[in-house]
């Protein structure tokens, strides 16, 4: 189990901000913080992104990097399309669906392929990215803002992975139950949020 936790810690660290994003200047820092805070100020974004990490951990193996990376890449593309004026339909519905579907997949411990999981989270990532792009401040630096929401998302993914690994380390026998409860809670929260927005 120790080597699994070590590998998870390395993945989490690799997803954190790089030195290339440090000290970009006052305007860049403001843009970075705007992007960084955007996923953290929306409970739907937070739930979906933590669920991506939980799903990756439940699937294990290549999913630990492939699933979060697919979400982040698609999210950047969705943000870029939105900033460029390309309309992505049903963004809010897609975000709500991401919370519910990802929560259910974790809750039922779905045995899906890495390719399917990566494609699914990429679809959801497009919607989240479009929302980030739409709400980018007019005076923000595109690079700084994008870097901000990418880093925040990576941290939330890493949090989901860490929760699953800690649960497994504490109790091999009950780790699946912890994941099921976590996934179920995410799915229920998504349903509640969807109902509240109707």
C-alpha atoms as a PDB file:
ATOM      1  CA  UNK A   1       0.000   0.000   0.000  1.00  0.00           C
ATOM      2  CA  UNK A   2       2.920   2.346   0.749  1.00  0.00           C
ATOM      3  CA  UNK A   3       4.115   2.263  -2.861  1.00  0.00           C
ATOM      4  CA  UNK A   4       0.556   3.020  -4.046  1.00  0.00           C
ATOM      5  CA  UNK A   5       0.370   6.031  -1.732  1.00  0.00           C
ATOM      6  CA  UNK A   6       3.816   7.211  -2.868  1.00  0.00           C
ATOM      7  CA  UNK A   7       2.785   6.972  -6.503  1.00  0.00           C
ATOM      8  CA  UNK A   8      -0.396   8.906  -5.748  1.00  0.00           C
ATOM      9  CA  UNK A   9       1.596  11.596  -3.950  1.00  0.00           C
ATOM     10  CA  UNK A  10       3.916  11.950  -6.943  1.00  0.00           C
ATOM     11  CA  UNK A  11       0.963  12.304  -9.294  1.00  0.00           C
ATOM     12  CA  UNK A  12      -0.601  14.930  -7.048  1.00  0.00           C
ATOM     13  CA  UNK A  13       2.643  16.904  -6.896  1.00  0.00           C
ATOM     14  CA  UNK A  14       3.077  16.723 -10.655  1.00  0.00           C
ATOM     15  CA  UNK A  15      -0.325  18.343 -11.095  1.00  0.00           C
ATOM     16  CA  UNK A  16       0.507  21.349  -8.910  1.00  0.00           C
ATOM     17  CA  UNK A  17       1.667  24.687 -10.330  1.00  0.00           C
ATOM     18  CA  UNK A  18       5.022  24.815 -12.036  1.00  0.00           C
ATOM     19  CA  UNK A  19       7.747  27.384 -11.580  1.00  0.00           C
ATOM     20  CA  UNK A  20       6.999  28.705 -15.041  1.00  0.00           C
ATOM     21  CA  UNK A  21       3.800  30.241 -13.666  1.00  0.00           C
ATOM     22  CA  UNK A  22       5.492  31.988 -10.742  1.00  0.00           C
ATOM     23  CA  UNK A  23       5.834  35.776 -10.576  1.00  0.00           C
ATOM     24  CA  UNK A  24       4.161  36.698 -13.892  1.00  0.00           C
ATOM     25  CA  UNK A  25       3.652  40.283 -12.787  1.00  0.00           C
ATOM     26  CA  UNK A  26       0.795  42.032 -10.997  1.00  0.00           C
ATOM     27  CA  UNK A  27      -1.670  41.794 -13.889  1.00  0.00           C
ATOM     28  CA  UNK A  28      -0.757  38.160 -14.462  1.00  0.00           C
ATOM     29  CA  UNK A  29      -1.088  37.360 -10.765  1.00  0.00           C
ATOM     30  CA  UNK A  30      -4.552  38.952 -10.658  1.00  0.00           C
ATOM     31  CA  UNK A  31      -5.573  36.966 -13.732  1.00  0.00           C
ATOM     32  CA  UNK A  32      -4.143  33.783 -12.235  1.00  0.00           C
ATOM     33  CA  UNK A  33      -6.061  34.261  -8.989  1.00  0.00           C
ATOM     34  CA  UNK A  34      -9.293  34.980 -10.889  1.00  0.00           C
ATOM     35  CA  UNK A  35      -8.888  31.718 -12.780  1.00  0.00           C
ATOM     36  CA  UNK A  36      -7.765  29.823  -9.694  1.00  0.00           C
ATOM     37  CA  UNK A  37     -10.764  30.921  -7.648  1.00  0.00           C
ATOM     38  CA  UNK A  38     -13.373  30.251 -10.328  1.00  0.00           C
ATOM     39  CA  UNK A  39     -13.570  26.450  -9.850  1.00  0.00           C
ATOM     40  CA  UNK A  40     -13.323  26.895  -6.088  1.00  0.00           C
ATOM     41  CA  UNK A  41     -16.297  29.228  -5.855  1.00  0.00           C
ATOM     42  CA  UNK A  42     -18.730  26.918  -7.631  1.00  0.00           C
ATOM     43  CA  UNK A  43     -19.820  23.849  -5.682  1.00  0.00           C
ATOM     44  CA  UNK A  44     -20.756  22.095  -8.928  1.00  0.00           C
ATOM     45  CA  UNK A  45     -17.226  22.562 -10.312  1.00  0.00           C
ATOM     46  CA  UNK A  46     -15.665  21.388  -7.055  1.00  0.00           C
ATOM     47  CA  UNK A  47     -17.827  18.284  -6.758  1.00  0.00           C
ATOM     48  CA  UNK A  48     -17.246  17.205 -10.358  1.00  0.00           C
ATOM     49  CA  UNK A  49     -13.488  17.740 -10.170  1.00  0.00           C
ATOM     50  CA  UNK A  50     -13.072  15.845  -6.911  1.00  0.00           C
ATOM     51  CA  UNK A  51     -15.233  13.083  -8.429  1.00  0.00           C
ATOM     52  CA  UNK A  52     -12.855  12.882 -11.406  1.00  0.00           C
ATOM     53  CA  UNK A  53     -10.051  12.163  -8.941  1.00  0.00           C
ATOM     54  CA  UNK A  54     -12.140   9.593  -7.077  1.00  0.00           C
ATOM     55  CA  UNK A  55     -13.029   7.860 -10.343  1.00  0.00           C
ATOM     56  CA  UNK A  56      -9.390   7.819 -11.453  1.00  0.00           C
ATOM     57  CA  UNK A  57      -8.355   6.274  -8.132  1.00  0.00           C
ATOM     58  CA  UNK A  58     -11.138   3.673  -8.256  1.00  0.00           C
ATOM     59  CA  UNK A  59     -10.081   2.591 -11.751  1.00  0.00           C
ATOM     60  CA  UNK A  60      -6.377   2.695 -10.871  1.00  0.00           C
ATOM     61  CA  UNK A  61      -3.429   2.099 -13.187  1.00  0.00           C
ATOM     62  CA  UNK A  62      -3.163   4.453 -16.156  1.00  0.00           C
ATOM     63  CA  UNK A  63      -6.438   6.083 -15.148  1.00  0.00           C
ATOM     64  CA  UNK A  64      -4.619   7.879 -12.324  1.00  0.00           C
ATOM     65  CA  UNK A  65      -3.076  10.260 -14.855  1.00  0.00           C
ATOM     66  CA  UNK A  66      -5.091   9.683 -18.042  1.00  0.00           C
ATOM     67  CA  UNK A  67      -8.516  10.542 -16.598  1.00  0.00           C
ATOM     68  CA  UNK A  68      -7.554  13.840 -14.884  1.00  0.00           C
ATOM     69  CA  UNK A  69      -5.350  14.834 -17.831  1.00  0.00           C
ATOM     70  CA  UNK A  70      -8.224  14.255 -20.287  1.00  0.00           C
ATOM     71  CA  UNK A  71     -10.530  16.440 -18.215  1.00  0.00           C
ATOM     72  CA  UNK A  72      -7.969  19.251 -17.953  1.00  0.00           C
ATOM     73  CA  UNK A  73      -7.073  19.186 -21.652  1.00  0.00           C
ATOM     74  CA  UNK A  74     -10.724  19.285 -22.720  1.00  0.00           C
ATOM     75  CA  UNK A  75     -11.418  22.009 -20.154  1.00  0.00           C
ATOM     76  CA  UNK A  76      -8.676  24.200 -21.654  1.00  0.00           C
ATOM     77  CA  UNK A  77     -10.118  23.594 -25.127  1.00  0.00           C
ATOM     78  CA  UNK A  78     -13.619  24.459 -23.906  1.00  0.00           C
ATOM     79  CA  UNK A  79     -12.327  27.645 -22.303  1.00  0.00           C
ATOM     80  CA  UNK A  80     -10.477  28.646 -25.469  1.00  0.00           C
ATOM     81  CA  UNK A  81     -13.536  28.013 -27.631  1.00  0.00           C
ATOM     82  CA  UNK A  82     -15.684  30.084 -25.302  1.00  0.00           C
ATOM     83  CA  UNK A  83     -13.222  32.995 -25.282  1.00  0.00           C
ATOM     84  CA  UNK A  84     -13.071  32.793 -29.081  1.00  0.00           C
ATOM     85  CA  UNK A  85     -16.851  33.226 -29.217  1.00  0.00           C
ATOM     86  CA  UNK A  86     -17.738  29.643 -30.128  1.00  0.00           C
ATOM     87  CA  UNK A  87     -21.046  28.733 -28.499  1.00  0.00           C
ATOM     88  CA  UNK A  88     -21.127  25.425 -26.649  1.00  0.00           C
ATOM     89  CA  UNK A  89     -24.751  24.485 -25.962  1.00  0.00           C
ATOM     90  CA  UNK A  90     -26.269  23.378 -22.645  1.00  0.00           C
ATOM     91  CA  UNK A  91     -23.175  24.241 -20.615  1.00  0.00           C
ATOM     92  CA  UNK A  92     -25.001  24.381 -17.281  1.00  0.00           C
ATOM     93  CA  UNK A  93     -26.809  21.142 -18.051  1.00  0.00           C
ATOM     94  CA  UNK A  94     -23.518  19.488 -18.974  1.00  0.00           C
ATOM     95  CA  UNK A  95     -21.933  20.615 -15.719  1.00  0.00           C
ATOM     96  CA  UNK A  96     -24.901  19.329 -13.702  1.00  0.00           C
ATOM     97  CA  UNK A  97     -24.769  16.020 -15.581  1.00  0.00           C
ATOM     98  CA  UNK A  98     -21.058  15.720 -14.859  1.00  0.00           C
ATOM     99  CA  UNK A  99     -21.645  15.912 -11.106  1.00  0.00           C
ATOM    100  CA  UNK A 100     -24.424  13.326 -11.167  1.00  0.00           C
ATOM    101  CA  UNK A 101     -22.860  10.876 -13.636  1.00  0.00           C
ATOM    102  CA  UNK A 102     -19.383  10.954 -12.103  1.00  0.00           C
ATOM    103  CA  UNK A 103     -20.867  10.550  -8.639  1.00  0.00           C
ATOM    104  CA  UNK A 104     -22.901   7.540  -9.749  1.00  0.00           C
ATOM    105  CA  UNK A 105     -19.910   5.911 -11.467  1.00  0.00           C
ATOM    106  CA  UNK A 106     -17.885   6.209  -8.267  1.00  0.00           C
ATOM    107  CA  UNK A 107     -20.797   5.068  -6.091  1.00  0.00           C
ATOM    108  CA  UNK A 108     -21.378   1.894  -8.083  1.00  0.00           C
ATOM    109  CA  UNK A 109     -17.634   1.278  -8.536  1.00  0.00           C
ATOM    110  CA  UNK A 110     -18.178   1.059 -12.284  1.00  0.00           C
ATOM    111  CA  UNK A 111     -15.687  -1.129 -14.135  1.00  0.00           C
ATOM    112  CA  UNK A 112     -15.162   0.930 -17.272  1.00  0.00           C
ATOM    113  CA  UNK A 113     -12.165   1.125 -19.566  1.00  0.00           C
ATOM    114  CA  UNK A 114      -9.553   3.856 -19.282  1.00  0.00           C
ATOM    115  CA  UNK A 115     -10.435   5.027 -22.801  1.00  0.00           C
ATOM    116  CA  UNK A 116     -14.143   5.322 -22.010  1.00  0.00           C
ATOM    117  CA  UNK A 117     -13.494   7.082 -18.710  1.00  0.00           C
ATOM    118  CA  UNK A 118     -11.092   9.521 -20.371  1.00  0.00           C
ATOM    119  CA  UNK A 119     -13.539  10.261 -23.195  1.00  0.00           C
ATOM    120  CA  UNK A 120     -16.423  10.769 -20.767  1.00  0.00           C
ATOM    121  CA  UNK A 121     -14.566  13.147 -18.477  1.00  0.00           C
ATOM    122  CA  UNK A 122     -13.236  14.998 -21.531  1.00  0.00           C
ATOM    123  CA  UNK A 123     -16.808  15.655 -22.630  1.00  0.00           C
ATOM    124  CA  UNK A 124     -17.621  17.014 -19.197  1.00  0.00           C
ATOM    125  CA  UNK A 125     -14.381  18.997 -19.169  1.00  0.00           C
ATOM    126  CA  UNK A 126     -15.525  20.887 -22.268  1.00  0.00           C
ATOM    127  CA  UNK A 127     -18.575  22.157 -20.401  1.00  0.00           C
ATOM    128  CA  UNK A 128     -16.591  23.198 -17.344  1.00  0.00           C
ATOM    129  CA  UNK A 129     -14.025  24.936 -19.543  1.00  0.00           C
ATOM    130  CA  UNK A 130     -16.717  26.779 -21.463  1.00  0.00           C
ATOM    131  CA  UNK A 131     -18.116  28.101 -18.177  1.00  0.00           C
ATOM    132  CA  UNK A 132     -14.665  29.266 -17.087  1.00  0.00           C
ATOM    133  CA  UNK A 133     -14.078  30.976 -20.424  1.00  0.00           C
ATOM    134  CA  UNK A 134     -17.451  32.705 -20.416  1.00  0.00           C
ATOM    135  CA  UNK A 135     -16.805  34.170 -16.977  1.00  0.00           C
ATOM    136  CA  UNK A 136     -13.241  35.305 -17.608  1.00  0.00           C
ATOM    137  CA  UNK A 137     -12.853  38.977 -16.564  1.00  0.00           C
ATOM    138  CA  UNK A 138     -12.532  41.327 -19.527  1.00  0.00           C
ATOM    139  CA  UNK A 139      -9.151  42.654 -18.391  1.00  0.00           C
ATOM    140  CA  UNK A 140      -7.691  39.259 -17.461  1.00  0.00           C
ATOM    141  CA  UNK A 141      -4.679  37.717 -19.156  1.00  0.00           C
ATOM    142  CA  UNK A 142      -5.829  34.610 -21.025  1.00  0.00           C
ATOM    143  CA  UNK A 143      -2.678  32.693 -20.091  1.00  0.00           C
ATOM    144  CA  UNK A 144      -2.795  33.693 -16.431  1.00  0.00           C
ATOM    145  CA  UNK A 145      -6.516  33.013 -16.084  1.00  0.00           C
ATOM    146  CA  UNK A 146      -6.234  29.633 -17.822  1.00  0.00           C
ATOM    147  CA  UNK A 147      -3.234  28.667 -15.708  1.00  0.00           C
ATOM    148  CA  UNK A 148      -5.247  29.549 -12.610  1.00  0.00           C
ATOM    149  CA  UNK A 149      -8.235  27.344 -13.332  1.00  0.00           C
ATOM    150  CA  UNK A 150      -5.988  24.514 -14.539  1.00  0.00           C
ATOM    151  CA  UNK A 151      -4.030  24.536 -11.282  1.00  0.00           C
ATOM    152  CA  UNK A 152      -7.192  24.694  -9.138  1.00  0.00           C
ATOM    153  CA  UNK A 153      -8.699  21.821 -11.115  1.00  0.00           C
ATOM    154  CA  UNK A 154      -5.532  19.734 -10.779  1.00  0.00           C
ATOM    155  CA  UNK A 155      -5.564  20.281  -7.022  1.00  0.00           C
ATOM    156  CA  UNK A 156      -9.207  19.165  -6.810  1.00  0.00           C
ATOM    157  CA  UNK A 157      -8.413  16.062  -8.891  1.00  0.00           C
ATOM    158  CA  UNK A 158      -5.467  15.332  -6.605  1.00  0.00           C
ATOM    159  CA  UNK A 159      -7.735  15.776  -3.585  1.00  0.00           C
ATOM    160  CA  UNK A 160     -10.128  13.146  -4.940  1.00  0.00           C
ATOM    161  CA  UNK A 161      -7.244  10.732  -5.555  1.00  0.00           C
ATOM    162  CA  UNK A 162      -5.822  11.418  -2.092  1.00  0.00           C
ATOM    163  CA  UNK A 163      -9.177  10.786  -0.401  1.00  0.00           C
ATOM    164  CA  UNK A 164      -9.420   7.387  -2.100  1.00  0.00           C
ATOM    165  CA  UNK A 165      -5.823   6.456  -1.212  1.00  0.00           C
ATOM    166  CA  UNK A 166      -6.153   7.573   2.402  1.00  0.00           C
ATOM    167  CA  UNK A 167      -9.367   5.578   2.753  1.00  0.00           C
ATOM    168  CA  UNK A 168      -7.609   2.514   1.311  1.00  0.00           C
ATOM    169  CA  UNK A 169      -4.635   2.993   3.629  1.00  0.00           C
ATOM    170  CA  UNK A 170      -6.820   3.296   6.708  1.00  0.00           C
ATOM    171  CA  UNK A 171      -8.978   0.305   5.909  1.00  0.00           C
ATOM    172  CA  UNK A 172      -8.494  -1.980   2.923  1.00  0.00           C
ATOM    173  CA  UNK A 173     -11.764  -3.678   3.833  1.00  0.00           C
ATOM    174  CA  UNK A 174     -13.874  -0.512   3.975  1.00  0.00           C
ATOM    175  CA  UNK A 175     -12.201   1.620   1.286  1.00  0.00           C
ATOM    176  CA  UNK A 176     -14.803   0.660  -1.323  1.00  0.00           C
ATOM    177  CA  UNK A 177     -17.576   1.626   1.059  1.00  0.00           C
ATOM    178  CA  UNK A 178     -15.951   5.027   1.577  1.00  0.00           C
ATOM    179  CA  UNK A 179     -15.754   5.516  -2.194  1.00  0.00           C
ATOM    180  CA  UNK A 180     -19.362   4.426  -2.631  1.00  0.00           C
ATOM    181  CA  UNK A 181     -20.534   6.836   0.051  1.00  0.00           C
ATOM    182  CA  UNK A 182     -18.476   9.649  -1.430  1.00  0.00           C
ATOM    183  CA  UNK A 183     -19.755   9.016  -4.942  1.00  0.00           C
ATOM    184  CA  UNK A 184     -23.324   8.743  -3.720  1.00  0.00           C
ATOM    185  CA  UNK A 185     -23.000  12.021  -1.825  1.00  0.00           C
ATOM    186  CA  UNK A 186     -21.654  13.739  -4.952  1.00  0.00           C
ATOM    187  CA  UNK A 187     -24.492  12.377  -7.109  1.00  0.00           C
ATOM    188  CA  UNK A 188     -27.155  13.400  -4.582  1.00  0.00           C
ATOM    189  CA  UNK A 189     -25.641  16.868  -4.269  1.00  0.00           C
ATOM    190  CA  UNK A 190     -25.711  17.157  -8.061  1.00  0.00           C
ATOM    191  CA  UNK A 191     -29.379  16.220  -8.159  1.00  0.00           C
ATOM    192  CA  UNK A 192     -30.176  18.739  -5.400  1.00  0.00           C
ATOM    193  CA  UNK A 193     -28.253  21.498  -7.164  1.00  0.00           C
ATOM    194  CA  UNK A 194     -29.971  20.705 -10.453  1.00  0.00           C
ATOM    195  CA  UNK A 195     -33.387  20.817  -8.789  1.00  0.00           C
ATOM    196  CA  UNK A 196     -32.564  24.101  -7.065  1.00  0.00           C
ATOM    197  CA  UNK A 197     -31.571  25.717 -10.353  1.00  0.00           C
ATOM    198  CA  UNK A 198     -34.793  24.756 -12.163  1.00  0.00           C
END
